[in-house]
């Protein structure tokens, strides 16, 4: 069975670059980190957290590289920009 991503015009996936964090099990060294030049690494406990602005294509490329290197992917998170104040009508005109 194939999974299908929602179409961009449905408002679920925006093709514009967005801030992502990607958690990987283990501490990645300089050689492994060189595979992710667009990502800023941080180490939290026994994990490496990569953060960067990625469009949809770049995100898929990073995930493919993680898979190709045999790394243990723990989490991919889209960091939503903080809203200044919620709109009472849900933002609909």
C-alpha atoms as a PDB file:
ATOM      1  CA  UNK A   1       0.000   0.000   0.000  1.00  0.00           C
ATOM      2  CA  UNK A   2       1.341   3.432  -0.955  1.00  0.00           C
ATOM      3  CA  UNK A   3       1.042   6.509   1.205  1.00  0.00           C
ATOM      4  CA  UNK A   4       0.165   9.736  -0.548  1.00  0.00           C
ATOM      5  CA  UNK A   5       1.119  13.171   0.656  1.00  0.00           C
ATOM      6  CA  UNK A   6      -1.630  15.796   0.628  1.00  0.00           C
ATOM      7  CA  UNK A   7      -1.564  18.163  -2.317  1.00  0.00           C
ATOM      8  CA  UNK A   8       0.030  21.541  -1.625  1.00  0.00           C
ATOM      9  CA  UNK A   9      -3.166  23.387  -2.554  1.00  0.00           C
ATOM     10  CA  UNK A  10      -5.014  21.764   0.332  1.00  0.00           C
ATOM     11  CA  UNK A  11      -3.066  23.962   2.757  1.00  0.00           C
ATOM     12  CA  UNK A  12      -1.481  21.053   4.629  1.00  0.00           C
ATOM     13  CA  UNK A  13       2.011  21.194   3.140  1.00  0.00           C
ATOM     14  CA  UNK A  14       3.555  24.509   2.215  1.00  0.00           C
ATOM     15  CA  UNK A  15       6.409  24.141  -0.313  1.00  0.00           C
ATOM     16  CA  UNK A  16       8.140  27.259   1.112  1.00  0.00           C
ATOM     17  CA  UNK A  17      11.189  26.710   3.336  1.00  0.00           C
ATOM     18  CA  UNK A  18      10.397  26.096   6.992  1.00  0.00           C
ATOM     19  CA  UNK A  19      12.426  25.499  10.142  1.00  0.00           C
ATOM     20  CA  UNK A  20      12.849  21.805  11.016  1.00  0.00           C
ATOM     21  CA  UNK A  21      14.579  19.919  13.791  1.00  0.00           C
ATOM     22  CA  UNK A  22      15.647  16.340  13.180  1.00  0.00           C
ATOM     23  CA  UNK A  23      16.712  14.126  16.097  1.00  0.00           C
ATOM     24  CA  UNK A  24      19.131  11.280  15.425  1.00  0.00           C
ATOM     25  CA  UNK A  25      20.252   8.643  17.902  1.00  0.00           C
ATOM     26  CA  UNK A  26      23.953   8.961  18.735  1.00  0.00           C
ATOM     27  CA  UNK A  27      26.605  11.635  18.446  1.00  0.00           C
ATOM     28  CA  UNK A  28      27.442  12.391  14.831  1.00  0.00           C
ATOM     29  CA  UNK A  29      31.056  13.279  14.161  1.00  0.00           C
ATOM     30  CA  UNK A  30      32.506  15.742  11.681  1.00  0.00           C
ATOM     31  CA  UNK A  31      32.513  13.252   8.795  1.00  0.00           C
ATOM     32  CA  UNK A  32      28.812  12.352   9.221  1.00  0.00           C
ATOM     33  CA  UNK A  33      27.801  15.986   9.791  1.00  0.00           C
ATOM     34  CA  UNK A  34      29.443  16.944   6.483  1.00  0.00           C
ATOM     35  CA  UNK A  35      26.521  15.140   4.800  1.00  0.00           C
ATOM     36  CA  UNK A  36      24.168  17.827   6.184  1.00  0.00           C
ATOM     37  CA  UNK A  37      25.765  21.195   5.309  1.00  0.00           C
ATOM     38  CA  UNK A  38      22.475  23.110   5.565  1.00  0.00           C
ATOM     39  CA  UNK A  39      21.824  21.896   9.119  1.00  0.00           C
ATOM     40  CA  UNK A  40      23.159  23.230  12.430  1.00  0.00           C
ATOM     41  CA  UNK A  41      24.074  20.377  14.823  1.00  0.00           C
ATOM     42  CA  UNK A  42      23.569  20.311  18.587  1.00  0.00           C
ATOM     43  CA  UNK A  43      24.067  17.434  20.980  1.00  0.00           C
ATOM     44  CA  UNK A  44      21.462  16.623  23.619  1.00  0.00           C
ATOM     45  CA  UNK A  45      22.322  13.670  25.806  1.00  0.00           C
ATOM     46  CA  UNK A  46      22.967  10.694  23.534  1.00  0.00           C
ATOM     47  CA  UNK A  47      21.326  12.367  20.518  1.00  0.00           C
ATOM     48  CA  UNK A  48      22.279  14.739  17.729  1.00  0.00           C
ATOM     49  CA  UNK A  49      19.723  17.396  16.817  1.00  0.00           C
ATOM     50  CA  UNK A  50      19.986  18.972  13.367  1.00  0.00           C
ATOM     51  CA  UNK A  51      18.182  22.277  12.804  1.00  0.00           C
ATOM     52  CA  UNK A  52      17.743  24.194   9.570  1.00  0.00           C
ATOM     53  CA  UNK A  53      15.515  25.902   7.044  1.00  0.00           C
ATOM     54  CA  UNK A  54      14.415  23.327   4.483  1.00  0.00           C
ATOM     55  CA  UNK A  55      11.914  23.302   1.665  1.00  0.00           C
ATOM     56  CA  UNK A  56      10.036  20.095   0.938  1.00  0.00           C
ATOM     57  CA  UNK A  57      12.642  18.825  -1.533  1.00  0.00           C
ATOM     58  CA  UNK A  58      15.545  19.541   0.824  1.00  0.00           C
ATOM     59  CA  UNK A  59      13.722  17.832   3.702  1.00  0.00           C
ATOM     60  CA  UNK A  60      13.256  14.691   1.627  1.00  0.00           C
ATOM     61  CA  UNK A  61      16.938  14.865   0.650  1.00  0.00           C
ATOM     62  CA  UNK A  62      18.060  15.071   4.277  1.00  0.00           C
ATOM     63  CA  UNK A  63      15.805  12.157   5.230  1.00  0.00           C
ATOM     64  CA  UNK A  64      17.136  10.100   2.303  1.00  0.00           C
ATOM     65  CA  UNK A  65      20.721  10.843   3.409  1.00  0.00           C
ATOM     66  CA  UNK A  66      19.907   9.763   6.984  1.00  0.00           C
ATOM     67  CA  UNK A  67      18.511   6.504   5.610  1.00  0.00           C
ATOM     68  CA  UNK A  68      21.461   5.958   3.243  1.00  0.00           C
ATOM     69  CA  UNK A  69      23.933   6.431   6.099  1.00  0.00           C
ATOM     70  CA  UNK A  70      22.020   3.937   8.251  1.00  0.00           C
ATOM     71  CA  UNK A  71      21.379   6.478  10.998  1.00  0.00           C
ATOM     72  CA  UNK A  72      18.658   5.932  13.587  1.00  0.00           C
ATOM     73  CA  UNK A  73      16.060   8.675  12.968  1.00  0.00           C
ATOM     74  CA  UNK A  74      14.121   9.515  16.134  1.00  0.00           C
ATOM     75  CA  UNK A  75      12.033  12.552  15.224  1.00  0.00           C
ATOM     76  CA  UNK A  76      11.330  15.139  12.543  1.00  0.00           C
ATOM     77  CA  UNK A  77       9.618  18.263  13.797  1.00  0.00           C
ATOM     78  CA  UNK A  78       8.369  21.318  11.958  1.00  0.00           C
ATOM     79  CA  UNK A  79       8.974  24.361  14.141  1.00  0.00           C
ATOM     80  CA  UNK A  80       5.948  26.596  13.709  1.00  0.00           C
ATOM     81  CA  UNK A  81       6.555  30.330  14.076  1.00  0.00           C
ATOM     82  CA  UNK A  82       4.933  31.759  17.180  1.00  0.00           C
ATOM     83  CA  UNK A  83       1.705  33.575  16.515  1.00  0.00           C
ATOM     84  CA  UNK A  84       1.465  36.959  18.161  1.00  0.00           C
ATOM     85  CA  UNK A  85      -2.136  36.451  19.149  1.00  0.00           C
ATOM     86  CA  UNK A  86      -4.758  33.904  18.138  1.00  0.00           C
ATOM     87  CA  UNK A  87      -7.560  35.276  16.048  1.00  0.00           C
ATOM     88  CA  UNK A  88     -10.997  34.657  17.554  1.00  0.00           C
ATOM     89  CA  UNK A  89     -12.559  33.500  14.280  1.00  0.00           C
ATOM     90  CA  UNK A  90      -9.708  31.094  13.470  1.00  0.00           C
ATOM     91  CA  UNK A  91      -8.197  33.502  10.933  1.00  0.00           C
ATOM     92  CA  UNK A  92     -10.990  33.199   8.391  1.00  0.00           C
ATOM     93  CA  UNK A  93     -12.271  36.435   6.793  1.00  0.00           C
END
